[in-house]
């Protein structure tokens, strides 16, 4: 698993690209790193999942935690560029009803900048 901060907009929205696999063995690190990024005080957080190949249920729980933490701070978390297989997981689990899913980074940035 690799997390890379791609961009921080002037509106305070951070874009983070996630690559590889986020499974039960990497979920604690994922929680720590993503939580640290969210705690950096960003207004919005966009996760670009274009190069994410697998996400475990434990890691989906981390996304939910960060989504709730962002909402408590008046911000939001959105995901974009989700591969079809992962999009199905988000839809089946109902996470797409909780975490906004956008086709492109530009759409996600626009949603988080409102």
N, C-alpha and C. Protein backbone atom coordinates (compact mmCIF):
# COMPACT_ATOMS: atom_id res chain seq x y z
N UNK A 1 0.84 -1.17 0.00
CA UNK A 1 0.00 0.00 0.00
C UNK A 1 0.89 1.24 0.00
N UNK A 2 0.49 2.21 -0.81
CA UNK A 2 1.23 3.45 -0.88
C UNK A 2 0.22 4.60 -0.90
N UNK A 3 0.40 5.57 -0.02
CA UNK A 3 -0.43 6.77 0.01
C UNK A 3 0.45 7.95 -0.37
N UNK A 4 -0.01 8.74 -1.32
CA UNK A 4 0.75 9.90 -1.79
C UNK A 4 -0.16 11.12 -1.80
N UNK A 5 0.27 12.20 -1.14
CA UNK A 5 -0.46 13.46 -1.23
C UNK A 5 -0.15 14.04 -2.59
N UNK A 6 -1.19 14.16 -3.41
CA UNK A 6 -1.03 14.61 -4.79
C UNK A 6 -1.14 16.12 -4.89
N UNK A 7 -2.05 16.70 -4.11
CA UNK A 7 -2.37 18.11 -4.28
C UNK A 7 -3.08 18.62 -3.04
N UNK A 8 -2.85 19.87 -2.71
CA UNK A 8 -3.65 20.57 -1.72
C UNK A 8 -4.11 21.85 -2.40
N UNK A 9 -5.42 22.01 -2.56
CA UNK A 9 -5.94 23.16 -3.28
C UNK A 9 -5.94 24.39 -2.40
N UNK A 10 -6.14 25.54 -3.01
CA UNK A 10 -6.21 26.77 -2.23
C UNK A 10 -7.46 26.81 -1.37
N UNK A 11 -8.44 25.97 -1.66
CA UNK A 11 -9.65 25.89 -0.84
C UNK A 11 -9.46 24.95 0.35
N UNK A 12 -8.29 24.39 0.52
CA UNK A 12 -8.03 23.51 1.64
C UNK A 12 -8.48 22.08 1.45
N UNK A 13 -8.57 21.63 0.21
CA UNK A 13 -8.94 20.24 -0.08
C UNK A 13 -7.67 19.49 -0.45
N UNK A 14 -7.46 18.37 0.22
CA UNK A 14 -6.28 17.56 -0.04
C UNK A 14 -6.66 16.35 -0.89
N UNK A 15 -5.84 16.07 -1.90
CA UNK A 15 -6.03 14.90 -2.75
C UNK A 15 -4.94 13.89 -2.40
N UNK A 16 -5.38 12.68 -2.08
CA UNK A 16 -4.45 11.61 -1.72
C UNK A 16 -4.70 10.43 -2.65
N UNK A 17 -3.63 9.97 -3.31
CA UNK A 17 -3.72 8.79 -4.17
C UNK A 17 -3.33 7.57 -3.35
N UNK A 18 -4.13 6.52 -3.48
CA UNK A 18 -3.85 5.27 -2.78
C UNK A 18 -3.59 4.19 -3.83
N UNK A 19 -2.45 3.49 -3.67
CA UNK A 19 -2.06 2.48 -4.64
C UNK A 19 -1.88 1.13 -3.97
N UNK A 20 -2.12 0.08 -4.74
CA UNK A 20 -1.85 -1.27 -4.28
C UNK A 20 -3.02 -1.91 -3.57
N UNK A 21 -2.73 -2.55 -2.44
CA UNK A 21 -3.74 -3.27 -1.66
C UNK A 21 -3.80 -2.68 -0.26
N UNK A 22 -5.01 -2.55 0.24
CA UNK A 22 -5.20 -2.17 1.64
C UNK A 22 -5.98 -3.33 2.26
N UNK A 23 -5.25 -4.19 2.96
CA UNK A 23 -5.87 -5.40 3.51
C UNK A 23 -5.74 -5.41 5.03
N UNK A 24 -6.07 -6.53 5.63
CA UNK A 24 -6.06 -6.60 7.09
C UNK A 24 -4.66 -6.36 7.67
N UNK A 25 -3.63 -6.72 6.94
CA UNK A 25 -2.27 -6.50 7.47
C UNK A 25 -1.83 -5.04 7.35
N UNK A 26 -2.38 -4.31 6.40
CA UNK A 26 -2.00 -2.90 6.24
C UNK A 26 -3.05 -1.94 6.81
N UNK A 27 -4.19 -2.45 7.27
CA UNK A 27 -5.28 -1.59 7.78
C UNK A 27 -4.82 -0.70 8.94
N UNK A 28 -4.03 -1.20 9.91
CA UNK A 28 -3.59 -0.30 11.00
C UNK A 28 -2.75 0.88 10.49
N UNK A 29 -1.84 0.59 9.55
CA UNK A 29 -1.03 1.67 8.97
C UNK A 29 -1.93 2.62 8.17
N UNK A 30 -2.87 2.06 7.43
CA UNK A 30 -3.82 2.86 6.66
C UNK A 30 -4.57 3.81 7.59
N UNK A 31 -5.04 3.29 8.73
CA UNK A 31 -5.76 4.10 9.71
C UNK A 31 -4.88 5.23 10.23
N UNK A 32 -3.65 4.90 10.59
CA UNK A 32 -2.72 5.88 11.14
C UNK A 32 -2.39 6.98 10.13
N UNK A 33 -2.03 6.56 8.93
CA UNK A 33 -1.60 7.53 7.91
C UNK A 33 -2.78 8.38 7.44
N UNK A 34 -3.90 7.73 7.12
CA UNK A 34 -5.05 8.48 6.63
C UNK A 34 -5.61 9.38 7.73
N UNK A 35 -5.64 8.89 8.96
CA UNK A 35 -6.08 9.72 10.09
C UNK A 35 -5.18 10.93 10.26
N UNK A 36 -3.87 10.74 10.10
CA UNK A 36 -2.93 11.86 10.21
C UNK A 36 -3.14 12.89 9.12
N UNK A 37 -3.42 12.42 7.91
CA UNK A 37 -3.70 13.34 6.80
C UNK A 37 -4.98 14.13 7.09
N UNK A 38 -6.01 13.43 7.55
CA UNK A 38 -7.28 14.09 7.86
C UNK A 38 -7.12 15.09 9.00
N UNK A 39 -6.27 14.75 9.99
CA UNK A 39 -6.05 15.63 11.13
C UNK A 39 -5.23 16.87 10.77
N UNK A 40 -4.69 16.90 9.57
CA UNK A 40 -3.88 18.04 9.15
C UNK A 40 -4.72 19.30 8.98
N UNK A 41 -6.02 19.19 9.21
CA UNK A 41 -6.88 20.36 9.18
C UNK A 41 -7.46 20.69 7.82
N UNK A 42 -7.44 19.72 6.92
CA UNK A 42 -7.99 19.98 5.59
C UNK A 42 -9.51 20.07 5.66
N UNK A 43 -10.05 20.91 4.84
CA UNK A 43 -11.50 21.10 4.77
C UNK A 43 -12.18 19.93 4.08
N UNK A 44 -11.48 19.40 3.11
CA UNK A 44 -12.00 18.26 2.37
C UNK A 44 -10.87 17.31 2.05
N UNK A 45 -11.24 16.06 1.86
CA UNK A 45 -10.25 15.04 1.56
C UNK A 45 -10.77 14.20 0.40
N UNK A 46 -10.02 14.17 -0.68
CA UNK A 46 -10.36 13.37 -1.86
C UNK A 46 -9.38 12.22 -1.94
N UNK A 47 -9.91 11.02 -1.98
CA UNK A 47 -9.07 9.83 -2.14
C UNK A 47 -9.19 9.36 -3.58
N UNK A 48 -8.10 9.42 -4.30
CA UNK A 48 -8.05 8.94 -5.68
C UNK A 48 -7.70 7.46 -5.64
N UNK A 49 -8.65 6.62 -6.03
CA UNK A 49 -8.48 5.17 -5.91
C UNK A 49 -8.16 4.48 -7.24
N UNK A 50 -7.75 5.26 -8.21
CA UNK A 50 -7.50 4.70 -9.55
C UNK A 50 -6.55 3.51 -9.53
N UNK A 51 -5.54 3.54 -8.68
CA UNK A 51 -4.55 2.47 -8.64
C UNK A 51 -4.67 1.56 -7.43
N UNK A 52 -5.83 1.61 -6.77
CA UNK A 52 -6.09 0.71 -5.65
C UNK A 52 -6.64 -0.59 -6.22
N UNK A 53 -6.03 -1.70 -5.87
CA UNK A 53 -6.42 -2.99 -6.42
C UNK A 53 -7.31 -3.81 -5.50
N UNK A 54 -7.22 -3.56 -4.18
CA UNK A 54 -8.01 -4.34 -3.23
C UNK A 54 -8.18 -3.52 -1.96
N UNK A 55 -9.36 -3.63 -1.34
CA UNK A 55 -9.58 -3.01 -0.05
C UNK A 55 -10.38 -3.99 0.80
N UNK A 56 -9.91 -4.23 2.01
CA UNK A 56 -10.57 -5.18 2.91
C UNK A 56 -11.71 -4.51 3.66
N UNK A 57 -12.53 -5.31 4.30
CA UNK A 57 -13.64 -4.76 5.09
C UNK A 57 -13.11 -3.91 6.24
N UNK A 58 -11.99 -4.31 6.83
CA UNK A 58 -11.40 -3.51 7.91
C UNK A 58 -10.99 -2.13 7.40
N UNK A 59 -10.49 -2.09 6.20
CA UNK A 59 -10.07 -0.81 5.61
C UNK A 59 -11.27 0.04 5.21
N UNK A 60 -12.37 -0.60 4.81
CA UNK A 60 -13.60 0.14 4.56
C UNK A 60 -14.06 0.82 5.85
N UNK A 61 -13.88 0.13 6.96
CA UNK A 61 -14.20 0.71 8.26
C UNK A 61 -13.38 1.95 8.54
N UNK A 62 -12.12 1.94 8.14
CA UNK A 62 -11.25 3.11 8.30
C UNK A 62 -11.81 4.28 7.48
N UNK A 63 -12.24 4.01 6.25
CA UNK A 63 -12.82 5.07 5.43
C UNK A 63 -14.05 5.67 6.11
N UNK A 64 -14.85 4.82 6.72
CA UNK A 64 -16.04 5.30 7.43
C UNK A 64 -15.64 6.17 8.62
N UNK A 65 -14.65 5.74 9.39
CA UNK A 65 -14.16 6.53 10.52
C UNK A 65 -13.69 7.91 10.08
N UNK A 66 -12.91 7.95 9.01
CA UNK A 66 -12.37 9.23 8.53
C UNK A 66 -13.50 10.10 7.98
N UNK A 67 -14.48 9.49 7.31
CA UNK A 67 -15.63 10.23 6.81
C UNK A 67 -16.36 10.92 7.96
N UNK A 68 -16.59 10.19 9.04
CA UNK A 68 -17.29 10.75 10.20
C UNK A 68 -16.46 11.85 10.86
N UNK A 69 -15.14 11.62 10.96
CA UNK A 69 -14.26 12.64 11.57
C UNK A 69 -14.27 13.92 10.74
N UNK A 70 -14.23 13.78 9.43
CA UNK A 70 -14.29 14.96 8.55
C UNK A 70 -15.61 15.70 8.75
N UNK A 71 -16.71 14.97 8.83
CA UNK A 71 -18.02 15.59 9.01
C UNK A 71 -18.09 16.35 10.33
N UNK A 72 -17.51 15.79 11.40
CA UNK A 72 -17.51 16.49 12.70
C UNK A 72 -16.76 17.81 12.62
N UNK A 73 -15.76 17.87 11.74
CA UNK A 73 -14.97 19.10 11.57
C UNK A 73 -15.59 20.04 10.54
N UNK A 74 -16.73 19.64 9.99
CA UNK A 74 -17.36 20.48 8.98
C UNK A 74 -16.80 20.26 7.59
N UNK A 75 -16.04 19.20 7.40
CA UNK A 75 -15.46 18.89 6.10
C UNK A 75 -16.12 17.66 5.51
N UNK A 76 -15.50 17.14 4.47
CA UNK A 76 -16.04 15.92 3.88
C UNK A 76 -14.93 15.09 3.26
N UNK A 77 -15.23 13.82 3.05
CA UNK A 77 -14.35 12.91 2.36
C UNK A 77 -15.10 12.41 1.13
N UNK A 78 -14.41 12.34 0.01
CA UNK A 78 -14.98 11.80 -1.22
C UNK A 78 -13.93 10.92 -1.87
N UNK A 79 -14.39 9.96 -2.67
CA UNK A 79 -13.46 9.12 -3.42
C UNK A 79 -13.72 9.34 -4.91
N UNK A 80 -12.68 9.10 -5.70
CA UNK A 80 -12.82 9.27 -7.14
C UNK A 80 -12.00 8.22 -7.88
N UNK A 81 -12.29 8.13 -9.17
CA UNK A 81 -11.55 7.24 -10.07
C UNK A 81 -11.51 5.81 -9.53
N UNK A 82 -12.65 5.33 -9.10
CA UNK A 82 -12.74 4.02 -8.48
C UNK A 82 -12.84 2.94 -9.56
N UNK A 83 -11.90 1.96 -9.54
CA UNK A 83 -11.99 0.86 -10.50
C UNK A 83 -13.32 0.11 -10.35
N UNK A 84 -13.80 -0.46 -11.44
CA UNK A 84 -15.11 -1.11 -11.45
C UNK A 84 -15.29 -2.14 -10.34
N UNK A 85 -14.30 -2.98 -10.13
CA UNK A 85 -14.43 -4.03 -9.10
C UNK A 85 -14.60 -3.42 -7.71
N UNK A 86 -13.85 -2.35 -7.43
CA UNK A 86 -13.96 -1.70 -6.12
C UNK A 86 -15.27 -0.91 -6.01
N UNK A 87 -15.71 -0.35 -7.12
CA UNK A 87 -16.99 0.37 -7.11
C UNK A 87 -18.12 -0.59 -6.73
N UNK A 88 -18.07 -1.81 -7.25
CA UNK A 88 -19.08 -2.81 -6.91
C UNK A 88 -19.08 -3.10 -5.42
N UNK A 89 -17.89 -3.20 -4.83
CA UNK A 89 -17.77 -3.44 -3.39
C UNK A 89 -18.42 -2.29 -2.62
N UNK A 90 -18.15 -1.07 -3.04
CA UNK A 90 -18.74 0.10 -2.37
C UNK A 90 -20.26 0.09 -2.51
N UNK A 91 -20.75 -0.30 -3.67
CA UNK A 91 -22.20 -0.34 -3.89
C UNK A 91 -22.86 -1.46 -3.09
N UNK A 92 -22.29 -2.65 -3.13
CA UNK A 92 -22.87 -3.79 -2.41
C UNK A 92 -22.88 -3.55 -0.90
N UNK A 93 -21.82 -2.94 -0.39
CA UNK A 93 -21.71 -2.69 1.05
C UNK A 93 -22.53 -1.48 1.49
N UNK A 94 -23.00 -0.68 0.52
CA UNK A 94 -23.76 0.52 0.84
C UNK A 94 -22.88 1.72 1.17
N UNK A 95 -21.58 1.56 1.05
CA UNK A 95 -20.68 2.67 1.36
C UNK A 95 -20.83 3.83 0.38
N UNK A 96 -21.29 3.53 -0.83
CA UNK A 96 -21.50 4.61 -1.81
C UNK A 96 -22.65 5.53 -1.38
N UNK A 97 -23.46 5.11 -0.41
CA UNK A 97 -24.53 5.95 0.12
C UNK A 97 -24.01 6.84 1.25
N UNK A 98 -22.84 6.52 1.77
CA UNK A 98 -22.24 7.27 2.89
C UNK A 98 -21.08 8.14 2.41
N UNK A 99 -20.27 7.58 1.53
CA UNK A 99 -19.09 8.27 1.01
C UNK A 99 -19.36 8.62 -0.45
N UNK A 100 -19.34 9.91 -0.78
CA UNK A 100 -19.57 10.29 -2.18
C UNK A 100 -18.51 9.69 -3.11
N UNK A 101 -18.99 9.09 -4.20
CA UNK A 101 -18.12 8.47 -5.20
C UNK A 101 -18.24 9.29 -6.48
N UNK A 102 -17.10 9.75 -7.00
CA UNK A 102 -17.08 10.57 -8.20
C UNK A 102 -16.24 9.90 -9.28
N UNK A 103 -16.62 10.14 -10.53
CA UNK A 103 -15.90 9.54 -11.64
C UNK A 103 -14.51 10.13 -11.82
N UNK A 104 -14.35 11.41 -11.52
CA UNK A 104 -13.06 12.06 -11.75
C UNK A 104 -12.62 12.87 -10.53
N UNK A 105 -11.34 13.14 -10.51
CA UNK A 105 -10.78 13.97 -9.45
C UNK A 105 -11.38 15.37 -9.48
N UNK A 106 -11.61 15.90 -10.68
CA UNK A 106 -12.18 17.24 -10.81
C UNK A 106 -13.58 17.31 -10.18
N UNK A 107 -14.40 16.28 -10.41
CA UNK A 107 -15.74 16.24 -9.81
C UNK A 107 -15.66 16.18 -8.29
N UNK A 108 -14.76 15.34 -7.78
CA UNK A 108 -14.62 15.20 -6.33
C UNK A 108 -14.13 16.50 -5.71
N UNK A 109 -13.17 17.15 -6.36
CA UNK A 109 -12.67 18.43 -5.85
C UNK A 109 -13.78 19.48 -5.81
N UNK A 110 -14.59 19.52 -6.85
CA UNK A 110 -15.69 20.48 -6.88
C UNK A 110 -16.67 20.21 -5.74
N UNK A 111 -16.98 18.96 -5.49
CA UNK A 111 -17.91 18.60 -4.42
C UNK A 111 -17.35 18.97 -3.05
N UNK A 112 -16.07 18.75 -2.83
CA UNK A 112 -15.45 19.05 -1.54
C UNK A 112 -15.19 20.53 -1.32
N UNK A 113 -15.21 21.30 -2.39
CA UNK A 113 -14.90 22.73 -2.30
C UNK A 113 -16.14 23.58 -2.02
N UNK A 114 -17.30 22.96 -2.03
CA UNK A 114 -18.54 23.73 -1.80
C UNK A 114 -18.67 24.19 -0.39
